[in-house]
N, C-alpha and C. Protein backbone atom coordinates (compact mmCIF):
# COMPACT_ATOMS: atom_id res chain seq x y z
N MET A 1 189.52 307.96 -56.79
CA MET A 1 188.38 308.79 -56.35
C MET A 1 188.09 309.05 -54.90
N SER A 2 188.81 307.83 -54.40
CA SER A 2 188.90 307.58 -53.07
C SER A 2 189.70 308.75 -52.36
N ALA A 3 190.70 309.00 -52.56
CA ALA A 3 191.31 310.19 -52.18
C ALA A 3 191.10 311.40 -51.69
N LEU A 4 191.24 312.51 -50.59
CA LEU A 4 190.85 313.41 -50.68
C LEU A 4 192.06 314.22 -50.93
N PRO A 5 191.83 315.46 -51.54
CA PRO A 5 192.57 316.35 -51.78
C PRO A 5 193.26 317.07 -50.81
N ASN A 6 194.76 316.86 -51.01
CA ASN A 6 195.21 317.45 -49.75
C ASN A 6 195.34 318.76 -49.60
N PHE A 7 194.53 319.38 -48.17
CA PHE A 7 194.50 320.60 -48.23
C PHE A 7 194.91 320.84 -47.08
N ASN A 8 196.01 321.97 -47.39
CA ASN A 8 197.00 322.74 -46.27
C ASN A 8 196.40 324.45 -46.18
N PRO A 9 195.85 324.76 -45.59
CA PRO A 9 195.40 326.32 -45.13
C PRO A 9 196.94 327.08 -45.31
N ALA A 10 196.60 328.04 -45.84
CA ALA A 10 197.70 329.25 -45.61
C ALA A 10 198.02 329.74 -44.21
N PRO A 11 199.26 329.59 -43.73
CA PRO A 11 200.07 330.32 -43.10
C PRO A 11 199.12 331.58 -42.48
N ARG A 12 199.06 331.84 -41.54
CA ARG A 12 198.09 333.16 -41.08
C ARG A 12 199.42 334.24 -40.79
N SER A 13 198.83 335.37 -41.25
CA SER A 13 199.64 336.45 -40.89
C SER A 13 199.70 336.69 -39.53
N SER A 14 200.70 337.50 -39.07
CA SER A 14 201.35 338.06 -37.65
C SER A 14 199.81 339.00 -37.15
N ARG A 15 199.04 340.05 -38.10
CA ARG A 15 197.84 340.78 -37.63
C ARG A 15 196.98 339.90 -37.64
N SER A 16 196.81 339.10 -38.52
CA SER A 16 195.21 337.65 -38.26
C SER A 16 195.77 337.55 -36.92
N GLN A 17 196.83 336.84 -36.67
CA GLN A 17 197.35 336.09 -34.76
C GLN A 17 196.85 336.95 -33.82
N SER A 18 197.31 338.41 -34.16
CA SER A 18 196.96 339.28 -33.17
C SER A 18 195.49 339.73 -32.93
N GLN A 19 194.85 339.70 -33.92
CA GLN A 19 193.40 340.10 -33.98
C GLN A 19 192.89 339.24 -33.22
N LEU A 20 193.35 337.65 -33.29
CA LEU A 20 192.54 336.72 -32.60
C LEU A 20 193.05 336.44 -31.27
N GLN A 21 194.35 336.60 -30.70
CA GLN A 21 194.48 337.03 -29.31
C GLN A 21 194.04 338.24 -28.49
N THR A 22 193.55 339.08 -29.26
CA THR A 22 192.94 340.47 -29.00
C THR A 22 191.23 340.15 -28.51
N SER A 23 190.99 339.32 -29.67
CA SER A 23 189.32 338.87 -29.44
C SER A 23 189.72 337.79 -28.39
N ALA A 24 190.45 336.51 -27.75
CA ALA A 24 190.39 335.79 -27.08
C ALA A 24 190.74 336.35 -25.68
N GLN A 25 191.62 338.07 -25.49
CA GLN A 25 191.82 338.71 -24.44
C GLN A 25 190.43 339.22 -24.09
N ARG A 26 189.76 339.57 -24.66
CA ARG A 26 188.07 340.65 -24.72
C ARG A 26 186.81 339.13 -24.22
N ILE A 27 187.26 338.13 -24.67
CA ILE A 27 186.36 337.59 -24.22
C ILE A 27 186.58 336.74 -23.07
N SER A 28 187.72 336.43 -22.42
CA SER A 28 188.06 335.99 -21.04
C SER A 28 187.93 336.96 -20.66
N ARG A 29 187.99 338.66 -20.78
CA ARG A 29 187.52 339.41 -19.92
C ARG A 29 186.35 340.01 -19.37
N LEU A 30 185.45 339.79 -19.93
CA LEU A 30 184.01 339.45 -20.33
C LEU A 30 183.68 338.48 -19.64
N GLU A 31 184.43 337.42 -19.19
CA GLU A 31 183.83 336.40 -18.29
C GLU A 31 184.42 336.72 -17.62
N GLY A 32 185.59 336.97 -17.08
CA GLY A 32 186.05 337.44 -15.84
C GLY A 32 185.08 338.47 -15.03
N LYS A 33 185.04 339.09 -15.65
CA LYS A 33 183.82 340.55 -15.20
C LYS A 33 182.61 339.91 -14.40
N SER A 34 182.16 338.70 -14.96
CA SER A 34 180.45 338.12 -14.85
C SER A 34 180.43 338.61 -12.91
N SER A 35 181.32 337.73 -12.38
CA SER A 35 181.74 337.88 -10.75
C SER A 35 181.78 339.27 -9.92
N ARG A 36 181.92 340.67 -10.78
CA ARG A 36 181.98 341.52 -10.63
C ARG A 36 181.02 342.37 -10.71
N THR A 37 179.85 342.15 -11.50
CA THR A 37 178.92 342.92 -11.91
C THR A 37 177.85 342.99 -11.07
N LYS A 38 176.85 344.01 -10.95
CA LYS A 38 176.20 344.74 -9.90
C LYS A 38 175.18 343.53 -9.62
N LYS A 39 174.12 343.42 -8.76
CA LYS A 39 173.23 342.19 -8.92
C LYS A 39 172.23 342.66 -9.77
N GLY A 40 171.92 341.11 -9.89
CA GLY A 40 170.88 341.65 -11.27
C GLY A 40 171.55 341.72 -12.77
N ALA A 41 172.55 342.10 -12.78
CA ALA A 41 173.29 342.14 -14.21
C ALA A 41 173.60 341.10 -14.77
N GLN A 42 173.39 340.95 -16.30
CA GLN A 42 173.69 339.65 -16.83
C GLN A 42 174.80 339.88 -17.90
N VAL A 43 175.92 338.86 -18.08
CA VAL A 43 176.57 338.72 -18.65
C VAL A 43 176.43 338.27 -20.01
N ILE A 44 176.12 338.52 -21.20
CA ILE A 44 176.25 337.80 -22.33
C ILE A 44 177.40 337.44 -23.05
N HIS A 45 177.67 336.30 -22.91
CA HIS A 45 178.57 335.19 -23.36
C HIS A 45 178.53 335.18 -24.81
N LEU A 46 179.46 335.62 -25.69
CA LEU A 46 179.11 335.80 -27.29
C LEU A 46 178.92 334.58 -27.72
N ASN A 47 179.28 333.46 -27.38
CA ASN A 47 179.15 331.68 -28.56
C ASN A 47 177.63 331.39 -27.46
N GLN A 48 177.00 331.56 -26.97
CA GLN A 48 175.86 330.94 -25.70
C GLN A 48 174.50 331.47 -26.75
N PRO A 49 173.97 330.50 -27.05
CA PRO A 49 172.54 330.42 -27.57
C PRO A 49 171.62 331.50 -26.89
N LYS A 50 170.65 332.02 -26.88
CA LYS A 50 169.64 332.66 -26.33
C LYS A 50 168.76 331.48 -26.16
N LYS A 51 168.00 331.54 -24.61
CA LYS A 51 167.18 330.66 -24.48
C LYS A 51 166.03 331.18 -24.74
N SER A 52 164.95 330.08 -25.15
CA SER A 52 163.83 330.37 -25.42
C SER A 52 162.85 329.41 -24.46
N PRO A 53 161.63 329.93 -24.39
CA PRO A 53 161.10 329.38 -23.16
C PRO A 53 160.17 328.34 -23.56
N ASN A 54 160.20 327.11 -22.71
CA ASN A 54 159.93 325.78 -23.45
C ASN A 54 158.57 325.94 -23.33
N VAL A 55 157.50 325.89 -24.83
CA VAL A 55 156.31 325.67 -24.26
C VAL A 55 155.52 324.59 -23.97
N TRP A 56 155.77 323.60 -23.96
CA TRP A 56 155.30 322.66 -22.79
C TRP A 56 154.86 322.91 -21.25
N GLU A 57 156.53 323.05 -21.13
CA GLU A 57 157.01 323.65 -19.67
C GLU A 57 155.61 325.14 -19.03
N SER A 58 156.09 325.99 -20.09
CA SER A 58 154.56 326.72 -19.70
C SER A 58 153.58 326.70 -20.10
N GLY A 59 153.01 325.64 -20.86
CA GLY A 59 151.90 325.31 -20.72
C GLY A 59 151.37 324.62 -19.30
N PHE A 60 152.74 323.81 -19.34
CA PHE A 60 152.20 322.83 -17.62
C PHE A 60 152.02 324.12 -16.27
N ILE A 61 152.51 325.20 -16.56
CA ILE A 61 152.56 326.10 -15.74
C ILE A 61 151.15 326.77 -15.39
N LEU A 62 150.88 327.16 -16.75
CA LEU A 62 149.52 327.84 -16.66
C LEU A 62 148.24 326.95 -16.81
N GLY A 63 148.04 325.67 -16.75
CA GLY A 63 147.30 324.53 -16.87
C GLY A 63 147.31 324.14 -14.94
N MET A 64 148.25 324.36 -14.13
CA MET A 64 148.63 324.38 -12.99
C MET A 64 148.06 325.71 -12.20
N ASN A 65 148.44 326.73 -12.98
CA ASN A 65 147.36 328.00 -12.05
C ASN A 65 146.06 328.01 -12.13
N LEU A 66 145.98 327.37 -13.59
CA LEU A 66 143.75 327.26 -13.92
C LEU A 66 143.27 326.38 -13.04
N LEU A 67 144.07 325.50 -12.90
CA LEU A 67 143.12 324.37 -11.66
C LEU A 67 143.45 324.55 -9.98
N LEU A 68 144.34 325.46 -9.97
CA LEU A 68 144.73 326.08 -8.24
C LEU A 68 143.60 326.88 -8.52
N MET A 69 143.44 328.33 -9.49
CA MET A 69 142.32 328.94 -9.50
C MET A 69 140.83 328.54 -9.62
N GLY A 70 140.39 327.22 -10.43
CA GLY A 70 139.21 326.44 -10.05
C GLY A 70 139.09 326.11 -8.77
N THR A 71 140.06 325.38 -8.62
CA THR A 71 139.57 324.69 -7.22
C THR A 71 139.49 326.03 -6.35
N ALA A 72 140.11 326.84 -5.95
CA ALA A 72 139.52 328.13 -4.86
C ALA A 72 138.26 328.80 -5.23
N VAL A 73 137.57 329.04 -6.66
CA VAL A 73 136.59 329.31 -6.86
C VAL A 73 135.80 328.16 -6.45
N VAL A 74 135.82 326.55 -6.93
CA VAL A 74 135.09 325.81 -6.13
C VAL A 74 135.00 325.80 -4.51
N THR A 75 135.66 325.98 -4.09
CA THR A 75 135.86 326.03 -2.42
C THR A 75 134.96 327.29 -1.80
N LEU A 76 135.26 328.32 -2.39
CA LEU A 76 134.36 329.74 -1.90
C LEU A 76 132.88 329.60 -2.55
N ALA A 77 132.58 328.79 -3.18
CA ALA A 77 131.31 328.61 -3.86
C ALA A 77 130.51 327.75 -2.85
N HIS A 78 131.46 326.69 -2.12
CA HIS A 78 130.56 326.12 -0.82
C HIS A 78 130.70 326.68 0.28
N LEU A 79 131.81 327.42 0.62
CA LEU A 79 132.08 328.43 1.91
C LEU A 79 130.80 329.38 2.01
N VAL A 80 130.64 330.04 1.29
CA VAL A 80 129.93 331.10 1.13
C VAL A 80 128.47 330.48 1.63
N PRO A 81 127.54 329.67 1.14
CA PRO A 81 126.53 329.45 1.68
C PRO A 81 126.79 328.79 3.06
N TYR A 82 127.55 328.49 3.51
CA TYR A 82 127.88 327.78 5.04
C TYR A 82 127.90 328.85 5.71
N GLN A 83 128.21 330.06 5.34
CA GLN A 83 128.86 331.13 6.02
C GLN A 83 127.21 331.71 6.28
N PHE A 84 126.66 331.94 5.65
CA PHE A 84 125.10 332.44 5.51
C PHE A 84 124.51 331.64 6.39
N SER A 85 124.65 330.05 6.49
CA SER A 85 123.94 329.26 7.30
C SER A 85 124.24 329.61 8.87
N GLN A 86 125.59 329.44 9.26
CA GLN A 86 126.06 329.71 10.46
C GLN A 86 125.39 331.10 10.78
N GLN A 87 125.45 332.07 10.21
CA GLN A 87 125.01 333.27 10.48
C GLN A 87 123.36 333.60 11.41
N ALA A 88 122.69 333.06 10.27
CA ALA A 88 121.51 332.57 10.49
C ALA A 88 121.40 331.67 11.98
N LYS A 89 122.13 330.70 12.19
CA LYS A 89 121.84 329.86 13.35
C LYS A 89 122.82 330.93 14.73
N LEU A 90 123.76 331.82 14.48
CA LEU A 90 124.53 332.26 15.70
C LEU A 90 123.01 333.17 15.97
N LYS A 91 122.26 334.28 14.50
CA LYS A 91 121.18 334.80 15.25
C LYS A 91 120.24 334.73 16.04
N GLU A 92 120.04 333.11 15.93
CA GLU A 92 118.71 332.31 16.46
C GLU A 92 119.60 332.36 17.89
N LEU A 93 120.33 331.69 18.06
CA LEU A 93 120.89 331.41 19.53
C LEU A 93 121.09 332.82 20.02
N ARG A 94 121.81 334.01 19.85
CA ARG A 94 121.56 335.31 20.59
C ARG A 94 119.73 335.75 20.81
N GLN A 95 119.22 335.55 19.88
CA GLN A 95 117.83 336.19 19.94
C GLN A 95 117.22 335.04 21.42
N GLU A 96 117.10 333.94 21.08
CA GLU A 96 117.21 332.72 22.36
C GLU A 96 117.97 333.02 23.38
N LYS A 97 118.95 333.55 23.48
CA LYS A 97 119.85 334.25 24.42
C LYS A 97 119.25 335.29 25.36
N SER A 98 118.76 336.06 24.66
CA SER A 98 117.95 337.22 25.18
C SER A 98 116.55 336.91 25.75
N GLN A 99 115.65 335.75 25.06
CA GLN A 99 114.36 335.40 25.86
C GLN A 99 114.90 334.98 26.90
N VAL A 100 115.60 333.92 27.24
CA VAL A 100 116.49 333.07 28.50
C VAL A 100 116.82 334.32 29.47
N ALA A 101 117.25 335.33 29.15
CA ALA A 101 117.32 336.34 29.97
C ALA A 101 116.21 336.94 30.30
N GLN A 102 115.31 337.44 29.76
CA GLN A 102 114.07 338.09 30.44
C GLN A 102 113.72 337.03 31.11
N ASN A 103 113.12 335.47 30.53
CA ASN A 103 112.57 335.07 31.49
C ASN A 103 113.31 334.66 32.64
N LEU A 104 114.72 335.02 32.98
CA LEU A 104 115.49 334.83 34.31
C LEU A 104 115.24 336.46 34.85
N GLN A 105 115.01 336.97 34.50
CA GLN A 105 114.51 338.29 35.04
C GLN A 105 113.56 338.52 35.69
N THR A 106 112.24 337.84 34.99
CA THR A 106 111.07 338.21 34.83
C THR A 106 111.20 336.98 36.90
N LEU A 107 111.32 335.95 36.42
CA LEU A 107 111.48 334.63 37.96
C LEU A 107 112.28 335.38 38.73
N LYS A 108 113.05 336.32 38.87
CA LYS A 108 113.62 336.83 40.19
C LYS A 108 113.28 337.49 40.52
N GLN A 109 112.08 338.40 39.95
CA GLN A 109 111.30 339.27 40.73
C GLN A 109 110.13 338.85 40.95
């Protein structure tokens, strides 16, 4: 029982050998064309599995984008009131400047 049966595959016919050679030539031609294709064109290799997106990588990228957007929103929420207060101070300074200019004008007269 420990001996395996002797498996001798039947010799291939010349027709099947020529089909194999033709297939191999086509594949080598497709691989050779990859350098001559247009920009952005992609050569699909027959034995290469399709690449599926990694769920963890996509989740990480989405999480980082959400974190950056949250940071931007919080920063803007802090900056907008600061800008309004700076505009109010600037308005007060302009009013004070005009008052000083009027006082100076009256003193000159």
